[in-house]
Amino acid sequence: MSQESAYIQSAMAQQEGNILSNEERLDVTFQSENDPAVLDKIDEAYHLKYDPSPYVAPMLTEKTRHATVEVLPK
């Protein structure tokens, strides 16, 4: 997903929404994640979980890193 996606644009414009977890709807806020150290840890976690899948590389581009959003309880 990239920052050009309608989902990301809407979430970031509103900076809030809700998610469904275990059949419970939770109010949340969205915050861009721009800390390079945090983004590196996320990339490392993808490698640990999904390597050697060919789908890992497309998930770890600069474009996708810039679309990383932290979901926080409201």
PDB file of N, CA and C in Angstrom:
ATOM      1  N   MET A   1       0.851  -1.161   0.000  1.00  0.00           N
ATOM      2  CA  MET A   1       0.000   0.000   0.000  1.00  0.00           C
ATOM      3  C   MET A   1       0.900   1.227   0.000  1.00  0.00           C
ATOM      4  N   SER A   2       0.522   2.231  -0.713  1.00  0.00           N
ATOM      5  CA  SER A   2       1.313   3.450  -0.763  1.00  0.00           C
ATOM      6  C   SER A   2       0.485   4.622  -0.260  1.00  0.00           C
ATOM      7  N   GLN A   3       1.148   5.752  -0.083  1.00  0.00           N
ATOM      8  CA  GLN A   3       0.441   6.937   0.387  1.00  0.00           C
ATOM      9  C   GLN A   3      -0.578   7.428  -0.625  1.00  0.00           C
ATOM     10  N   GLU A   4      -0.485   6.982  -1.869  1.00  0.00           N
ATOM     11  CA  GLU A   4      -1.455   7.387  -2.876  1.00  0.00           C
ATOM     12  C   GLU A   4      -2.764   6.608  -2.764  1.00  0.00           C
ATOM     13  N   SER A   5      -2.779   5.537  -1.973  1.00  0.00           N
ATOM     14  CA  SER A   5      -3.996   4.723  -1.876  1.00  0.00           C
ATOM     15  C   SER A   5      -5.101   5.517  -1.192  1.00  0.00           C
ATOM     16  N   ALA A   6      -6.327   5.289  -1.631  1.00  0.00           N
ATOM     17  CA  ALA A   6      -7.479   5.987  -1.061  1.00  0.00           C
ATOM     18  C   ALA A   6      -7.613   5.686   0.429  1.00  0.00           C
ATOM     19  N   TYR A   7      -7.295   4.442   0.829  1.00  0.00           N
ATOM     20  CA  TYR A   7      -7.403   4.054   2.234  1.00  0.00           C
ATOM     21  C   TYR A   7      -6.476   4.901   3.105  1.00  0.00           C
ATOM     22  N   ILE A   8      -5.215   4.994   2.705  1.00  0.00           N
ATOM     23  CA  ILE A   8      -4.237   5.765   3.492  1.00  0.00           C
ATOM     24  C   ILE A   8      -4.611   7.238   3.491  1.00  0.00           C
ATOM     25  N   GLN A   9      -4.978   7.780   2.340  1.00  0.00           N
ATOM     26  CA  GLN A   9      -5.337   9.199   2.272  1.00  0.00           C
ATOM     27  C   GLN A   9      -6.513   9.516   3.183  1.00  0.00           C
ATOM     28  N   SER A  10      -7.534   8.672   3.168  1.00  0.00           N
ATOM     29  CA  SER A  10      -8.705   8.891   4.012  1.00  0.00           C
ATOM     30  C   SER A  10      -8.346   8.779   5.491  1.00  0.00           C
ATOM     31  N   ALA A  11      -7.601   7.739   5.843  1.00  0.00           N
ATOM     32  CA  ALA A  11      -7.219   7.533   7.240  1.00  0.00           C
ATOM     33  C   ALA A  11      -6.402   8.708   7.760  1.00  0.00           C
ATOM     34  N   MET A  12      -5.463   9.183   6.971  1.00  0.00           N
ATOM     35  CA  MET A  12      -4.599  10.263   7.429  1.00  0.00           C
ATOM     36  C   MET A  12      -5.320  11.606   7.432  1.00  0.00           C
ATOM     37  N   ALA A  13      -6.273  11.802   6.526  1.00  0.00           N
ATOM     38  CA  ALA A  13      -7.042  13.054   6.515  1.00  0.00           C
ATOM     39  C   ALA A  13      -7.930  13.131   7.757  1.00  0.00           C
ATOM     40  N   GLN A  14      -8.538  12.016   8.105  1.00  0.00           N
ATOM     41  CA  GLN A  14      -9.428  11.987   9.266  1.00  0.00           C
ATOM     42  C   GLN A  14      -8.661  11.782  10.568  1.00  0.00           C
ATOM     43  N   GLN A  15      -7.524  11.137  10.484  1.00  0.00           N
ATOM     44  CA  GLN A  15      -6.664  10.785  11.620  1.00  0.00           C
ATOM     45  C   GLN A  15      -7.398   9.986  12.689  1.00  0.00           C
ATOM     46  N   GLU A  16      -8.506   9.378  12.305  1.00  0.00           N
ATOM     47  CA  GLU A  16      -9.211   8.510  13.241  1.00  0.00           C
ATOM     48  C   GLU A  16     -10.115   7.568  12.461  1.00  0.00           C
ATOM     49  N   GLY A  17     -10.531   6.519  13.117  1.00  0.00           N
ATOM     50  CA  GLY A  17     -11.413   5.556  12.495  1.00  0.00           C
ATOM     51  C   GLY A  17     -11.736   4.465  13.494  1.00  0.00           C
ATOM     52  N   ASN A  18     -12.081   3.292  12.983  1.00  0.00           N
ATOM     53  CA  ASN A  18     -12.315   2.175  13.884  1.00  0.00           C
ATOM     54  C   ASN A  18     -11.885   0.899  13.199  1.00  0.00           C
ATOM     55  N   ILE A  19     -11.567  -0.073  14.036  1.00  0.00           N
ATOM     56  CA  ILE A  19     -11.170  -1.390  13.552  1.00  0.00           C
ATOM     57  C   ILE A  19     -12.043  -2.426  14.255  1.00  0.00           C
ATOM     58  N   LEU A  20     -12.152  -3.571  13.645  1.00  0.00           N
ATOM     59  CA  LEU A  20     -12.907  -4.668  14.229  1.00  0.00           C
ATOM     60  C   LEU A  20     -11.916  -5.725  14.687  1.00  0.00           C
ATOM     61  N   SER A  21     -11.955  -6.059  15.971  1.00  0.00           N
ATOM     62  CA  SER A  21     -11.046  -7.053  16.541  1.00  0.00           C
ATOM     63  C   SER A  21     -11.857  -7.971  17.446  1.00  0.00           C
ATOM     64  N   ASN A  22     -11.819  -9.265  17.137  1.00  0.00           N
ATOM     65  CA  ASN A  22     -12.582 -10.234  17.933  1.00  0.00           C
ATOM     66  C   ASN A  22     -14.040  -9.808  18.072  1.00  0.00           C
ATOM     67  N   GLU A  23     -14.604  -9.369  16.962  1.00  0.00           N
ATOM     68  CA  GLU A  23     -16.001  -8.935  16.884  1.00  0.00           C
ATOM     69  C   GLU A  23     -16.301  -7.714  17.745  1.00  0.00           C
ATOM     70  N   GLU A  24     -15.275  -6.980  18.169  1.00  0.00           N
ATOM     71  CA  GLU A  24     -15.443  -5.746  18.932  1.00  0.00           C
ATOM     72  C   GLU A  24     -14.923  -4.587  18.095  1.00  0.00           C
ATOM     73  N   ARG A  25     -15.741  -3.568  17.924  1.00  0.00           N
ATOM     74  CA  ARG A  25     -15.337  -2.384  17.165  1.00  0.00           C
ATOM     75  C   ARG A  25     -14.614  -1.429  18.111  1.00  0.00           C
ATOM     76  N   LEU A  26     -13.397  -1.037  17.741  1.00  0.00           N
ATOM     77  CA  LEU A  26     -12.554  -0.178  18.574  1.00  0.00           C
ATOM     78  C   LEU A  26     -12.276   1.130  17.863  1.00  0.00           C
ATOM     79  N   ASP A  27     -12.445   2.252  18.557  1.00  0.00           N
ATOM     80  CA  ASP A  27     -12.091   3.549  18.009  1.00  0.00           C
ATOM     81  C   ASP A  27     -10.580   3.726  18.101  1.00  0.00           C
ATOM     82  N   VAL A  28      -9.984   4.205  17.021  1.00  0.00           N
ATOM     83  CA  VAL A  28      -8.535   4.350  16.954  1.00  0.00           C
ATOM     84  C   VAL A  28      -8.165   5.675  16.293  1.00  0.00           C
ATOM     85  N   THR A  29      -6.917   6.049  16.453  1.00  0.00           N
ATOM     86  CA  THR A  29      -6.345   7.172  15.721  1.00  0.00           C
ATOM     87  C   THR A  29      -5.197   6.641  14.875  1.00  0.00           C
ATOM     88  N   PHE A  30      -4.879   7.364  13.819  1.00  0.00           N
ATOM     89  CA  PHE A  30      -3.799   6.988  12.909  1.00  0.00           C
ATOM     90  C   PHE A  30      -2.716   8.045  12.954  1.00  0.00           C
ATOM     91  N   GLN A  31      -1.479   7.596  13.004  1.00  0.00           N
ATOM     92  CA  GLN A  31      -0.338   8.500  13.059  1.00  0.00           C
ATOM     93  C   GLN A  31       0.741   7.983  12.117  1.00  0.00           C
ATOM     94  N   SER A  32       1.261   8.846  11.261  1.00  0.00           N
ATOM     95  CA  SER A  32       2.354   8.443  10.370  1.00  0.00           C
ATOM     96  C   SER A  32       3.555   8.021  11.192  1.00  0.00           C
ATOM     97  N   GLU A  33       4.226   6.980  10.731  1.00  0.00           N
ATOM     98  CA  GLU A  33       5.458   6.523  11.396  1.00  0.00           C
ATOM     99  C   GLU A  33       6.628   6.900  10.504  1.00  0.00           C
ATOM    100  N   ASN A  34       7.458   7.822  10.984  1.00  0.00           N
ATOM    101  CA  ASN A  34       8.567   8.314  10.176  1.00  0.00           C
ATOM    102  C   ASN A  34       9.936   8.050  10.787  1.00  0.00           C
ATOM    103  N   ASP A  35       9.974   7.413  11.940  1.00  0.00           N
ATOM    104  CA  ASP A  35      11.243   7.157  12.625  1.00  0.00           C
ATOM    105  C   ASP A  35      11.987   6.043  11.890  1.00  0.00           C
ATOM    106  N   PRO A  36      13.157   6.345  11.302  1.00  0.00           N
ATOM    107  CA  PRO A  36      13.902   5.326  10.553  1.00  0.00           C
ATOM    108  C   PRO A  36      14.222   4.081  11.377  1.00  0.00           C
ATOM    109  N   ALA A  37      14.485   4.230  12.666  1.00  0.00           N
ATOM    110  CA  ALA A  37      14.800   3.070  13.514  1.00  0.00           C
ATOM    111  C   ALA A  37      13.585   2.162  13.648  1.00  0.00           C
ATOM    112  N   VAL A  38      12.403   2.738  13.798  1.00  0.00           N
ATOM    113  CA  VAL A  38      11.176   1.944  13.898  1.00  0.00           C
ATOM    114  C   VAL A  38      10.896   1.257  12.563  1.00  0.00           C
ATOM    115  N   LEU A  39      11.046   1.990  11.471  1.00  0.00           N
ATOM    116  CA  LEU A  39      10.809   1.412  10.148  1.00  0.00           C
ATOM    117  C   LEU A  39      11.787   0.274   9.860  1.00  0.00           C
ATOM    118  N   ASP A  40      13.034   0.416  10.299  1.00  0.00           N
ATOM    119  CA  ASP A  40      14.014  -0.668  10.130  1.00  0.00           C
ATOM    120  C   ASP A  40      13.605  -1.911  10.913  1.00  0.00           C
ATOM    121  N   LYS A  41      13.068  -1.729  12.121  1.00  0.00           N
ATOM    122  CA  LYS A  41      12.614  -2.866  12.926  1.00  0.00           C
ATOM    123  C   LYS A  41      11.432  -3.567  12.256  1.00  0.00           C
ATOM    124  N   ILE A  42      10.549  -2.788  11.657  1.00  0.00           N
ATOM    125  CA  ILE A  42       9.414  -3.377  10.937  1.00  0.00           C
ATOM    126  C   ILE A  42       9.924  -4.194   9.757  1.00  0.00           C
ATOM    127  N   ASP A  43      10.860  -3.636   8.997  1.00  0.00           N
ATOM    128  CA  ASP A  43      11.444  -4.364   7.869  1.00  0.00           C
ATOM    129  C   ASP A  43      12.091  -5.668   8.337  1.00  0.00           C
ATOM    130  N   GLU A  44      12.818  -5.599   9.438  1.00  0.00           N
ATOM    131  CA  GLU A  44      13.480  -6.789   9.976  1.00  0.00           C
ATOM    132  C   GLU A  44      12.444  -7.855  10.355  1.00  0.00           C
ATOM    133  N   ALA A  45      11.340  -7.427  10.948  1.00  0.00           N
ATOM    134  CA  ALA A  45      10.289  -8.368  11.338  1.00  0.00           C
ATOM    135  C   ALA A  45       9.685  -9.038  10.105  1.00  0.00           C
ATOM    136  N   TYR A  46       9.483  -8.273   9.020  1.00  0.00           N
ATOM    137  CA  TYR A  46       8.983  -8.874   7.777  1.00  0.00           C
ATOM    138  C   TYR A  46       9.958  -9.929   7.274  1.00  0.00           C
ATOM    139  N   HIS A  47      11.264  -9.607   7.285  1.00  0.00           N
ATOM    140  CA  HIS A  47      12.264 -10.582   6.840  1.00  0.00           C
ATOM    141  C   HIS A  47      12.222 -11.848   7.689  1.00  0.00           C
ATOM    142  N   LEU A  48      12.174 -11.680   9.002  1.00  0.00           N
ATOM    143  CA  LEU A  48      12.172 -12.835   9.897  1.00  0.00           C
ATOM    144  C   LEU A  48      10.948 -13.721   9.682  1.00  0.00           C
ATOM    145  N   LYS A  49       9.807 -13.104   9.439  1.00  0.00           N
ATOM    146  CA  LYS A  49       8.579 -13.880   9.309  1.00  0.00           C
ATOM    147  C   LYS A  49       8.386 -14.460   7.911  1.00  0.00           C
ATOM    148  N   TYR A  50       8.749 -13.707   6.863  1.00  0.00           N
ATOM    149  CA  TYR A  50       8.350 -14.097   5.517  1.00  0.00           C
ATOM    150  C   TYR A  50       9.457 -14.527   4.568  1.00  0.00           C
ATOM    151  N   ASP A  51      10.727 -14.292   4.900  1.00  0.00           N
ATOM    152  CA  ASP A  51      11.784 -14.769   4.002  1.00  0.00           C
ATOM    153  C   ASP A  51      11.712 -16.280   3.885  1.00  0.00           C
ATOM    154  N   PRO A  52      11.967 -16.836   2.755  1.00  0.00           N
ATOM    155  CA  PRO A  52      12.450 -16.286   1.495  1.00  0.00           C
ATOM    156  C   PRO A  52      11.341 -15.979   0.480  1.00  0.00           C
ATOM    157  N   SER A  53      10.175 -15.614   0.918  1.00  0.00           N
ATOM    158  CA  SER A  53       9.071 -15.336   0.001  1.00  0.00           C
ATOM    159  C   SER A  53       9.423 -14.219  -0.985  1.00  0.00           C
ATOM    160  N   PRO A  54       9.022 -14.361  -2.245  1.00  0.00           N
ATOM    161  CA  PRO A  54       9.268 -13.303  -3.225  1.00  0.00           C
ATOM    162  C   PRO A  54       8.413 -12.066  -2.959  1.00  0.00           C
ATOM    163  N   TYR A  55       7.490 -12.152  -2.030  1.00  0.00           N
ATOM    164  CA  TYR A  55       6.609 -11.021  -1.729  1.00  0.00           C
ATOM    165  C   TYR A  55       7.202 -10.062  -0.705  1.00  0.00           C
ATOM    166  N   VAL A  56       8.335 -10.411  -0.116  1.00  0.00           N
ATOM    167  CA  VAL A  56       8.951  -9.548   0.893  1.00  0.00           C
ATOM    168  C   VAL A  56       9.483  -8.258   0.273  1.00  0.00           C
ATOM    169  N   ALA A  57      10.239  -8.352  -0.787  1.00  0.00           N
ATOM    170  CA  ALA A  57      10.880  -7.168  -1.386  1.00  0.00           C
ATOM    171  C   ALA A  57       9.879  -6.064  -1.729  1.00  0.00           C
ATOM    172  N   PRO A  58       8.728  -6.365  -2.343  1.00  0.00           N
ATOM    173  CA  PRO A  58       7.778  -5.292  -2.644  1.00  0.00           C
ATOM    174  C   PRO A  58       7.191  -4.622  -1.392  1.00  0.00           C
ATOM    175  N   MET A  59       7.235  -5.310  -0.265  1.00  0.00           N
ATOM    176  CA  MET A  59       6.703  -4.734   0.965  1.00  0.00           C
ATOM    177  C   MET A  59       7.707  -3.841   1.689  1.00  0.00           C
ATOM    178  N   LEU A  60       8.951  -3.840   1.222  1.00  0.00           N
ATOM    179  CA  LEU A  60      10.005  -3.124   1.932  1.00  0.00           C
ATOM    180  C   LEU A  60      10.635  -2.020   1.096  1.00  0.00           C
ATOM    181  N   THR A  61       9.858  -1.382   0.260  1.00  0.00           N
ATOM    182  CA  THR A  61      10.368  -0.279  -0.550  1.00  0.00           C
ATOM    183  C   THR A  61      10.224   1.039   0.200  1.00  0.00           C
ATOM    184  N   GLU A  62      10.883   2.066  -0.271  1.00  0.00           N
ATOM    185  CA  GLU A  62      10.728   3.395   0.342  1.00  0.00           C
ATOM    186  C   GLU A  62       9.278   3.860   0.246  1.00  0.00           C
ATOM    187  N   LYS A  63       8.628   3.523  -0.848  1.00  0.00           N
ATOM    188  CA  LYS A  63       7.235   3.931  -1.034  1.00  0.00           C
ATOM    189  C   LYS A  63       6.343   3.309   0.046  1.00  0.00           C
ATOM    190  N   THR A  64       6.531   2.035   0.325  1.00  0.00           N
ATOM    191  CA  THR A  64       5.705   1.397   1.352  1.00  0.00           C
ATOM    192  C   THR A  64       6.115   1.847   2.752  1.00  0.00           C
ATOM    193  N   ARG A  65       7.393   2.099   2.965  1.00  0.00           N
ATOM    194  CA  ARG A  65       7.834   2.598   4.273  1.00  0.00           C
ATOM    195  C   ARG A  65       7.166   3.937   4.594  1.00  0.00           C
ATOM    196  N   HIS A  66       7.018   4.792   3.583  1.00  0.00           N
ATOM    197  CA  HIS A  66       6.390   6.098   3.794  1.00  0.00           C
ATOM    198  C   HIS A  66       4.892   5.980   4.070  1.00  0.00           C
ATOM    199  N   ALA A  67       4.302   4.850   3.764  1.00  0.00           N
ATOM    200  CA  ALA A  67       2.872   4.635   4.013  1.00  0.00           C
ATOM    201  C   ALA A  67       2.623   3.953   5.350  1.00  0.00           C
ATOM    202  N   THR A  68       3.670   3.709   6.143  1.00  0.00           N
ATOM    203  CA  THR A  68       3.510   3.036   7.412  1.00  0.00           C
ATOM    204  C   THR A  68       2.762   3.934   8.403  1.00  0.00           C
ATOM    205  N   VAL A  69       1.733   3.367   8.999  1.00  0.00           N
ATOM    206  CA  VAL A  69       0.864   4.105   9.910  1.00  0.00           C
ATOM    207  C   VAL A  69       0.784   3.355  11.229  1.00  0.00           C
ATOM    208  N   GLU A  70       0.917   4.091  12.315  1.00  0.00           N
ATOM    209  CA  GLU A  70       0.719   3.508  13.643  1.00  0.00           C
ATOM    210  C   GLU A  70      -0.748   3.664  14.002  1.00  0.00           C
ATOM    211  N   VAL A  71      -1.349   2.585  14.475  1.00  0.00           N
ATOM    212  CA  VAL A  71      -2.743   2.599  14.891  1.00  0.00           C
ATOM    213  C   VAL A  71      -2.764   2.600  16.412  1.00  0.00           C
ATOM    214  N   LEU A  72      -3.379   3.637  16.991  1.00  0.00           N
ATOM    215  CA  LEU A  72      -3.379   3.812  18.429  1.00  0.00           C
ATOM    216  C   LEU A  72      -4.811   3.828  18.970  1.00  0.00           C
ATOM    217  N   PRO A  73      -5.031   3.368  20.210  1.00  0.00           N
ATOM    218  CA  PRO A  73      -6.366   3.471  20.787  1.00  0.00           C
ATOM    219  C   PRO A  73      -6.759   4.937  20.933  1.00  0.00           C
ATOM    220  N   LYS A  74      -8.030   5.194  20.757  1.00  0.00           N
ATOM    221  CA  LYS A  74      -8.514   6.585  20.875  1.00  0.00           C
ATOM    222  C   LYS A  74      -8.898   6.873  22.310  1.00  0.00           C
TER     223      LYS A  74
END
